[in-house]
Amino acid sequence: MRVTICIGSACHLKGSREVVAQLQSMVKERHLEEQVDLNGSFCSGNCVSGVCVTVDGQLYSLKPEDTREFFDREIIGRL
């Protein structure tokens, strides 16, 4: 599974660094390094609502405080 987090200016201001750190930690704590490929990208074009995160091509807008719920629903739920 490919997960791409926007690290462009707008998403950086909305907390992309925190989202990246949380996702890295969650992947590691569940030993999913072989199944989940985390990547960074620049502007995904939808940075108005929150940090842009793409999971296998599907775009989401995420707030840092919602990362755990997002991970469980959209990443674990697809494995």
PDB file of N, CA and C in Angstrom:
ATOM      1  N   MET A   1       0.842  -1.171   0.000  1.00  0.00           N
ATOM      2  CA  MET A   1       0.000   0.000   0.000  1.00  0.00           C
ATOM      3  C   MET A   1       0.890   1.237   0.000  1.00  0.00           C
ATOM      4  N   ARG A   2       0.566   2.179  -0.869  1.00  0.00           N
ATOM      5  CA  ARG A   2       1.346   3.409  -0.967  1.00  0.00           C
ATOM      6  C   ARG A   2       0.582   4.556  -0.295  1.00  0.00           C
ATOM      7  N   VAL A   3       1.218   5.184   0.677  1.00  0.00           N
ATOM      8  CA  VAL A   3       0.639   6.318   1.395  1.00  0.00           C
ATOM      9  C   VAL A   3       1.562   7.512   1.172  1.00  0.00           C
ATOM     10  N   THR A   4       1.000   8.583   0.606  1.00  0.00           N
ATOM     11  CA  THR A   4       1.785   9.772   0.293  1.00  0.00           C
ATOM     12  C   THR A   4       1.250  10.950   1.087  1.00  0.00           C
ATOM     13  N   ILE A   5       2.134  11.626   1.797  1.00  0.00           N
ATOM     14  CA  ILE A   5       1.770  12.767   2.628  1.00  0.00           C
ATOM     15  C   ILE A   5       2.348  14.024   2.004  1.00  0.00           C
ATOM     16  N   CYS A   6       1.510  15.033   1.815  1.00  0.00           N
ATOM     17  CA  CYS A   6       1.973  16.304   1.266  1.00  0.00           C
ATOM     18  C   CYS A   6       2.837  17.017   2.310  1.00  0.00           C
ATOM     19  N   ILE A   7       4.010  17.467   1.875  1.00  0.00           N
ATOM     20  CA  ILE A   7       4.899  18.213   2.767  1.00  0.00           C
ATOM     21  C   ILE A   7       5.167  19.608   2.207  1.00  0.00           C
ATOM     22  N   GLY A   8       4.265  20.063   1.329  1.00  0.00           N
ATOM     23  CA  GLY A   8       4.380  21.409   0.776  1.00  0.00           C
ATOM     24  C   GLY A   8       4.109  22.461   1.844  1.00  0.00           C
ATOM     25  N   SER A   9       4.277  23.710   1.490  1.00  0.00           N
ATOM     26  CA  SER A   9       4.172  24.819   2.450  1.00  0.00           C
ATOM     27  C   SER A   9       2.847  24.857   3.197  1.00  0.00           C
ATOM     28  N   ALA A  10       1.730  24.779   2.469  1.00  0.00           N
ATOM     29  CA  ALA A  10       0.418  24.877   3.116  1.00  0.00           C
ATOM     30  C   ALA A  10       0.192  23.708   4.072  1.00  0.00           C
ATOM     31  N   CYS A  11       0.536  22.510   3.634  1.00  0.00           N
ATOM     32  CA  CYS A  11       0.352  21.336   4.503  1.00  0.00           C
ATOM     33  C   CYS A  11       1.329  21.354   5.679  1.00  0.00           C
ATOM     34  N   HIS A  12       2.519  21.876   5.444  1.00  0.00           N
ATOM     35  CA  HIS A  12       3.483  22.001   6.541  1.00  0.00           C
ATOM     36  C   HIS A  12       2.896  22.875   7.650  1.00  0.00           C
ATOM     37  N   LEU A  13       2.272  23.970   7.262  1.00  0.00           N
ATOM     38  CA  LEU A  13       1.656  24.869   8.240  1.00  0.00           C
ATOM     39  C   LEU A  13       0.468  24.218   8.951  1.00  0.00           C
ATOM     40  N   LYS A  14      -0.156  23.255   8.309  1.00  0.00           N
ATOM     41  CA  LYS A  14      -1.308  22.566   8.897  1.00  0.00           C
ATOM     42  C   LYS A  14      -0.904  21.330   9.705  1.00  0.00           C
ATOM     43  N   GLY A  15       0.403  21.023   9.761  1.00  0.00           N
ATOM     44  CA  GLY A  15       0.874  19.951  10.630  1.00  0.00           C
ATOM     45  C   GLY A  15       1.354  18.693   9.937  1.00  0.00           C
ATOM     46  N   SER A  16       1.812  18.806   8.696  1.00  0.00           N
ATOM     47  CA  SER A  16       2.250  17.596   7.984  1.00  0.00           C
ATOM     48  C   SER A  16       3.408  16.891   8.689  1.00  0.00           C
ATOM     49  N   ARG A  17       4.278  17.638   9.324  1.00  0.00           N
ATOM     50  CA  ARG A  17       5.403  17.014  10.035  1.00  0.00           C
ATOM     51  C   ARG A  17       4.889  16.086  11.140  1.00  0.00           C
ATOM     52  N   GLU A  18       3.883  16.538  11.859  1.00  0.00           N
ATOM     53  CA  GLU A  18       3.297  15.730  12.931  1.00  0.00           C
ATOM     54  C   GLU A  18       2.578  14.500  12.361  1.00  0.00           C
ATOM     55  N   VAL A  19       1.865  14.687  11.249  1.00  0.00           N
ATOM     56  CA  VAL A  19       1.177  13.565  10.603  1.00  0.00           C
ATOM     57  C   VAL A  19       2.191  12.512  10.159  1.00  0.00           C
ATOM     58  N   VAL A  20       3.278  12.952   9.527  1.00  0.00           N
ATOM     59  CA  VAL A  20       4.326  12.033   9.074  1.00  0.00           C
ATOM     60  C   VAL A  20       4.896  11.258  10.264  1.00  0.00           C
ATOM     61  N   ALA A  21       5.231  11.961  11.334  1.00  0.00           N
ATOM     62  CA  ALA A  21       5.820  11.316  12.513  1.00  0.00           C
ATOM     63  C   ALA A  21       4.863  10.286  13.115  1.00  0.00           C
ATOM     64  N   GLN A  22       3.598  10.639  13.204  1.00  0.00           N
ATOM     65  CA  GLN A  22       2.611   9.712  13.768  1.00  0.00           C
ATOM     66  C   GLN A  22       2.444   8.478  12.886  1.00  0.00           C
ATOM     67  N   LEU A  23       2.334   8.683  11.574  1.00  0.00           N
ATOM     68  CA  LEU A  23       2.171   7.549  10.665  1.00  0.00           C
ATOM     69  C   LEU A  23       3.396   6.636  10.701  1.00  0.00           C
ATOM     70  N   GLN A  24       4.588   7.229  10.732  1.00  0.00           N
ATOM     71  CA  GLN A  24       5.809   6.418  10.818  1.00  0.00           C
ATOM     72  C   GLN A  24       5.799   5.571  12.086  1.00  0.00           C
ATOM     73  N   SER A  25       5.413   6.172  13.190  1.00  0.00           N
ATOM     74  CA  SER A  25       5.368   5.472  14.468  1.00  0.00           C
ATOM     75  C   SER A  25       4.337   4.342  14.450  1.00  0.00           C
ATOM     76  N   MET A  26       3.160   4.607  13.899  1.00  0.00           N
ATOM     77  CA  MET A  26       2.098   3.597  13.858  1.00  0.00           C
ATOM     78  C   MET A  26       2.476   2.426  12.959  1.00  0.00           C
ATOM     79  N   VAL A  27       3.098   2.712  11.834  1.00  0.00           N
ATOM     80  CA  VAL A  27       3.550   1.650  10.928  1.00  0.00           C
ATOM     81  C   VAL A  27       4.596   0.794  11.630  1.00  0.00           C
ATOM     82  N   LYS A  28       5.527   1.448  12.312  1.00  0.00           N
ATOM     83  CA  LYS A  28       6.598   0.720  12.996  1.00  0.00           C
ATOM     84  C   LYS A  28       6.065  -0.112  14.160  1.00  0.00           C
ATOM     85  N   GLU A  29       5.180   0.473  14.975  1.00  0.00           N
ATOM     86  CA  GLU A  29       4.688  -0.255  16.153  1.00  0.00           C
ATOM     87  C   GLU A  29       3.850  -1.476  15.769  1.00  0.00           C
ATOM     88  N   ARG A  30       3.277  -1.466  14.576  1.00  0.00           N
ATOM     89  CA  ARG A  30       2.495  -2.622  14.113  1.00  0.00           C
ATOM     90  C   ARG A  30       3.280  -3.506  13.138  1.00  0.00           C
ATOM     91  N   HIS A  31       4.559  -3.185  12.972  1.00  0.00           N
ATOM     92  CA  HIS A  31       5.453  -3.972  12.106  1.00  0.00           C
ATOM     93  C   HIS A  31       4.912  -4.093  10.679  1.00  0.00           C
ATOM     94  N   LEU A  32       4.493  -2.960  10.114  1.00  0.00           N
ATOM     95  CA  LEU A  32       3.894  -2.946   8.773  1.00  0.00           C
ATOM     96  C   LEU A  32       4.821  -2.349   7.720  1.00  0.00           C
ATOM     97  N   GLU A  33       6.104  -2.260   8.024  1.00  0.00           N
ATOM     98  CA  GLU A  33       7.052  -1.627   7.102  1.00  0.00           C
ATOM     99  C   GLU A  33       7.062  -2.288   5.720  1.00  0.00           C
ATOM    100  N   GLU A  34       6.799  -3.579   5.659  1.00  0.00           N
ATOM    101  CA  GLU A  34       6.798  -4.296   4.375  1.00  0.00           C
ATOM    102  C   GLU A  34       5.488  -4.107   3.613  1.00  0.00           C
ATOM    103  N   GLN A  35       4.441  -3.680   4.306  1.00  0.00           N
ATOM    104  CA  GLN A  35       3.123  -3.555   3.683  1.00  0.00           C
ATOM    105  C   GLN A  35       2.727  -2.117   3.380  1.00  0.00           C
ATOM    106  N   VAL A  36       3.254  -1.171   4.142  1.00  0.00           N
ATOM    107  CA  VAL A  36       2.875   0.232   3.986  1.00  0.00           C
ATOM    108  C   VAL A  36       4.107   1.034   3.589  1.00  0.00           C
ATOM    109  N   ASP A  37       4.031   1.652   2.429  1.00  0.00           N
ATOM    110  CA  ASP A  37       5.119   2.461   1.882  1.00  0.00           C
ATOM    111  C   ASP A  37       4.771   3.935   2.072  1.00  0.00           C
ATOM    112  N   LEU A  38       5.407   4.601   3.044  1.00  0.00           N
ATOM    113  CA  LEU A  38       5.158   6.018   3.313  1.00  0.00           C
ATOM    114  C   LEU A  38       6.073   6.870   2.444  1.00  0.00           C
ATOM    115  N   ASN A  39       5.492   7.882   1.801  1.00  0.00           N
ATOM    116  CA  ASN A  39       6.229   8.786   0.923  1.00  0.00           C
ATOM    117  C   ASN A  39       5.798  10.215   1.183  1.00  0.00           C
ATOM    118  N   GLY A  40       6.647  11.150   0.799  1.00  0.00           N
ATOM    119  CA  GLY A  40       6.308  12.563   0.855  1.00  0.00           C
ATOM    120  C   GLY A  40       6.152  13.103  -0.551  1.00  0.00           C
ATOM    121  N   SER A  41       5.369  14.158  -0.683  1.00  0.00           N
ATOM    122  CA  SER A  41       5.220  14.830  -1.977  1.00  0.00           C
ATOM    123  C   SER A  41       4.973  16.307  -1.721  1.00  0.00           C
ATOM    124  N   PHE A  42       5.125  17.072  -2.766  1.00  0.00           N
ATOM    125  CA  PHE A  42       4.777  18.482  -2.655  1.00  0.00           C
ATOM    126  C   PHE A  42       3.333  18.654  -3.077  1.00  0.00           C
ATOM    127  N   CYS A  43       2.841  19.836  -3.126  1.00  0.00           N
ATOM    128  CA  CYS A  43       1.413  20.157  -3.209  1.00  0.00           C
ATOM    129  C   CYS A  43       0.577  19.150  -3.994  1.00  0.00           C
ATOM    130  N   SER A  44      -0.449  18.658  -3.309  1.00  0.00           N
ATOM    131  CA  SER A  44      -1.397  17.731  -3.919  1.00  0.00           C
ATOM    132  C   SER A  44      -2.625  18.460  -4.437  1.00  0.00           C
ATOM    133  N   GLY A  45      -2.688  19.768  -4.208  1.00  0.00           N
ATOM    134  CA  GLY A  45      -3.748  20.590  -4.769  1.00  0.00           C
ATOM    135  C   GLY A  45      -5.008  20.721  -3.940  1.00  0.00           C
ATOM    136  N   ASN A  46      -5.053  20.153  -2.751  1.00  0.00           N
ATOM    137  CA  ASN A  46      -6.256  20.235  -1.929  1.00  0.00           C
ATOM    138  C   ASN A  46      -5.892  20.563  -0.486  1.00  0.00           C
ATOM    139  N   CYS A  47      -4.971  21.485  -0.307  1.00  0.00           N
ATOM    140  CA  CYS A  47      -4.415  21.770   1.016  1.00  0.00           C
ATOM    141  C   CYS A  47      -5.250  22.747   1.839  1.00  0.00           C
ATOM    142  N   VAL A  48      -6.418  23.118   1.356  1.00  0.00           N
ATOM    143  CA  VAL A  48      -7.243  24.088   2.064  1.00  0.00           C
ATOM    144  C   VAL A  48      -7.800  23.502   3.361  1.00  0.00           C
ATOM    145  N   SER A  49      -8.207  22.246   3.329  1.00  0.00           N
ATOM    146  CA  SER A  49      -8.906  21.639   4.460  1.00  0.00           C
ATOM    147  C   SER A  49      -7.999  21.042   5.520  1.00  0.00           C
ATOM    148  N   GLY A  50      -6.801  20.656   5.144  1.00  0.00           N
ATOM    149  CA  GLY A  50      -5.890  20.009   6.076  1.00  0.00           C
ATOM    150  C   GLY A  50      -4.726  19.419   5.318  1.00  0.00           C
ATOM    151  N   VAL A  51      -3.987  18.551   5.966  1.00  0.00           N
ATOM    152  CA  VAL A  51      -2.840  17.891   5.340  1.00  0.00           C
ATOM    153  C   VAL A  51      -3.361  16.872   4.327  1.00  0.00           C
ATOM    154  N   CYS A  52      -2.877  16.964   3.097  1.00  0.00           N
ATOM    155  CA  CYS A  52      -3.294  16.026   2.051  1.00  0.00           C
ATOM    156  C   CYS A  52      -2.544  14.710   2.213  1.00  0.00           C
ATOM    157  N   VAL A  53      -3.308  13.635   2.270  1.00  0.00           N
ATOM    158  CA  VAL A  53      -2.746  12.290   2.355  1.00  0.00           C
ATOM    159  C   VAL A  53      -3.434  11.450   1.285  1.00  0.00           C
ATOM    160  N   THR A  54      -2.635  10.766   0.489  1.00  0.00           N
ATOM    161  CA  THR A  54      -3.175   9.901  -0.554  1.00  0.00           C
ATOM    162  C   THR A  54      -2.876   8.454  -0.189  1.00  0.00           C
ATOM    163  N   VAL A  55      -3.908   7.622  -0.234  1.00  0.00           N
ATOM    164  CA  VAL A  55      -3.757   6.188   0.024  1.00  0.00           C
ATOM    165  C   VAL A  55      -4.136   5.463  -1.258  1.00  0.00           C
ATOM    166  N   ASP A  56      -3.150   4.849  -1.883  1.00  0.00           N
ATOM    167  CA  ASP A  56      -3.363   4.139  -3.149  1.00  0.00           C
ATOM    168  C   ASP A  56      -4.170   4.976  -4.143  1.00  0.00           C
ATOM    169  N   GLY A  57      -3.814   6.251  -4.253  1.00  0.00           N
ATOM    170  CA  GLY A  57      -4.432   7.129  -5.235  1.00  0.00           C
ATOM    171  C   GLY A  57      -5.670   7.871  -4.772  1.00  0.00           C
ATOM    172  N   GLN A  58      -6.216   7.546  -3.617  1.00  0.00           N
ATOM    173  CA  GLN A  58      -7.399   8.230  -3.103  1.00  0.00           C
ATOM    174  C   GLN A  58      -6.962   9.334  -2.150  1.00  0.00           C
ATOM    175  N   LEU A  59      -7.430  10.559  -2.414  1.00  0.00           N
ATOM    176  CA  LEU A  59      -6.997  11.741  -1.674  1.00  0.00           C
ATOM    177  C   LEU A  59      -7.870  11.994  -0.451  1.00  0.00           C
ATOM    178  N   TYR A  60      -7.216  12.275   0.679  1.00  0.00           N
ATOM    179  CA  TYR A  60      -7.880  12.618   1.933  1.00  0.00           C
ATOM    180  C   TYR A  60      -7.286  13.912   2.457  1.00  0.00           C
ATOM    181  N   SER A  61      -8.042  14.608   3.286  1.00  0.00           N
ATOM    182  CA  SER A  61      -7.570  15.803   3.965  1.00  0.00           C
ATOM    183  C   SER A  61      -7.611  15.503   5.458  1.00  0.00           C
ATOM    184  N   LEU A  62      -6.495  15.703   6.139  1.00  0.00           N
ATOM    185  CA  LEU A  62      -6.333  15.179   7.490  1.00  0.00           C
ATOM    186  C   LEU A  62      -5.794  16.233   8.448  1.00  0.00           C
ATOM    187  N   LYS A  63      -6.350  16.263   9.653  1.00  0.00           N
ATOM    188  CA  LYS A  63      -5.807  17.087  10.729  1.00  0.00           C
ATOM    189  C   LYS A  63      -4.925  16.184  11.586  1.00  0.00           C
ATOM    190  N   PRO A  64      -3.823  16.713  12.128  1.00  0.00           N
ATOM    191  CA  PRO A  64      -2.921  15.867  12.928  1.00  0.00           C
ATOM    192  C   PRO A  64      -3.622  15.098  14.047  1.00  0.00           C
ATOM    193  N   GLU A  65      -4.595  15.711  14.690  1.00  0.00           N
ATOM    194  CA  GLU A  65      -5.272  15.044  15.804  1.00  0.00           C
ATOM    195  C   GLU A  65      -6.163  13.881  15.354  1.00  0.00           C
ATOM    196  N   ASP A  66      -6.409  13.768  14.053  1.00  0.00           N
ATOM    197  CA  ASP A  66      -7.238  12.681  13.525  1.00  0.00           C
ATOM    198  C   ASP A  66      -6.414  11.546  12.918  1.00  0.00           C
ATOM    199  N   THR A  67      -5.098  11.597  13.073  1.00  0.00           N
ATOM    200  CA  THR A  67      -4.222  10.642  12.395  1.00  0.00           C
ATOM    201  C   THR A  67      -4.460   9.208  12.848  1.00  0.00           C
ATOM    202  N   ARG A  68      -4.618   8.958  14.128  1.00  0.00           N
ATOM    203  CA  ARG A  68      -4.827   7.586  14.632  1.00  0.00           C
ATOM    204  C   ARG A  68      -6.105   6.985  14.046  1.00  0.00           C
ATOM    205  N   GLU A  69      -7.192   7.740  14.096  1.00  0.00           N
ATOM    206  CA  GLU A  69      -8.463   7.256  13.545  1.00  0.00           C
ATOM    207  C   GLU A  69      -8.334   6.992  12.039  1.00  0.00           C
ATOM    208  N   PHE A  70      -7.679   7.912  11.332  1.00  0.00           N
ATOM    209  CA  PHE A  70      -7.448   7.753   9.898  1.00  0.00           C
ATOM    210  C   PHE A  70      -6.636   6.488   9.623  1.00  0.00           C
ATOM    211  N   PHE A  71      -5.581   6.284  10.379  1.00  0.00           N
ATOM    212  CA  PHE A  71      -4.719   5.116  10.207  1.00  0.00           C
ATOM    213  C   PHE A  71      -5.518   3.822  10.377  1.00  0.00           C
ATOM    214  N   ASP A  72      -6.297   3.759  11.441  1.00  0.00           N
ATOM    215  CA  ASP A  72      -7.082   2.551  11.709  1.00  0.00           C
ATOM    216  C   ASP A  72      -8.123   2.302  10.619  1.00  0.00           C
ATOM    217  N   ARG A  73      -8.791   3.354  10.179  1.00  0.00           N
ATOM    218  CA  ARG A  73      -9.874   3.218   9.207  1.00  0.00           C
ATOM    219  C   ARG A  73      -9.369   3.007   7.782  1.00  0.00           C
ATOM    220  N   GLU A  74      -8.455   3.861   7.337  1.00  0.00           N
ATOM    221  CA  GLU A  74      -8.075   3.873   5.923  1.00  0.00           C
ATOM    222  C   GLU A  74      -6.851   3.028   5.588  1.00  0.00           C
ATOM    223  N   ILE A  75      -6.011   2.765   6.560  1.00  0.00           N
ATOM    224  CA  ILE A  75      -4.814   1.962   6.279  1.00  0.00           C
ATOM    225  C   ILE A  75      -5.005   0.542   6.810  1.00  0.00           C
ATOM    226  N   ILE A  76      -5.223   0.400   8.103  1.00  0.00           N
ATOM    227  CA  ILE A  76      -5.439  -0.933   8.667  1.00  0.00           C
ATOM    228  C   ILE A  76      -6.674  -1.580   8.037  1.00  0.00           C
ATOM    229  N   GLY A  77      -7.702  -0.785   7.812  1.00  0.00           N
ATOM    230  CA  GLY A  77      -8.935  -1.298   7.215  1.00  0.00           C
ATOM    231  C   GLY A  77      -8.766  -1.856   5.811  1.00  0.00           C
ATOM    232  N   ARG A  78      -7.686  -1.497   5.122  1.00  0.00           N
ATOM    233  CA  ARG A  78      -7.441  -1.977   3.757  1.00  0.00           C
ATOM    234  C   ARG A  78      -6.458  -3.136   3.699  1.00  0.00           C
ATOM    235  N   LEU A  79      -5.807  -3.428   4.798  1.00  0.00           N
ATOM    236  CA  LEU A  79      -4.803  -4.506   4.779  1.00  0.00           C
ATOM    237  C   LEU A  79      -5.439  -5.877   4.956  1.00  0.00           C
TER     238      LEU A  79
END
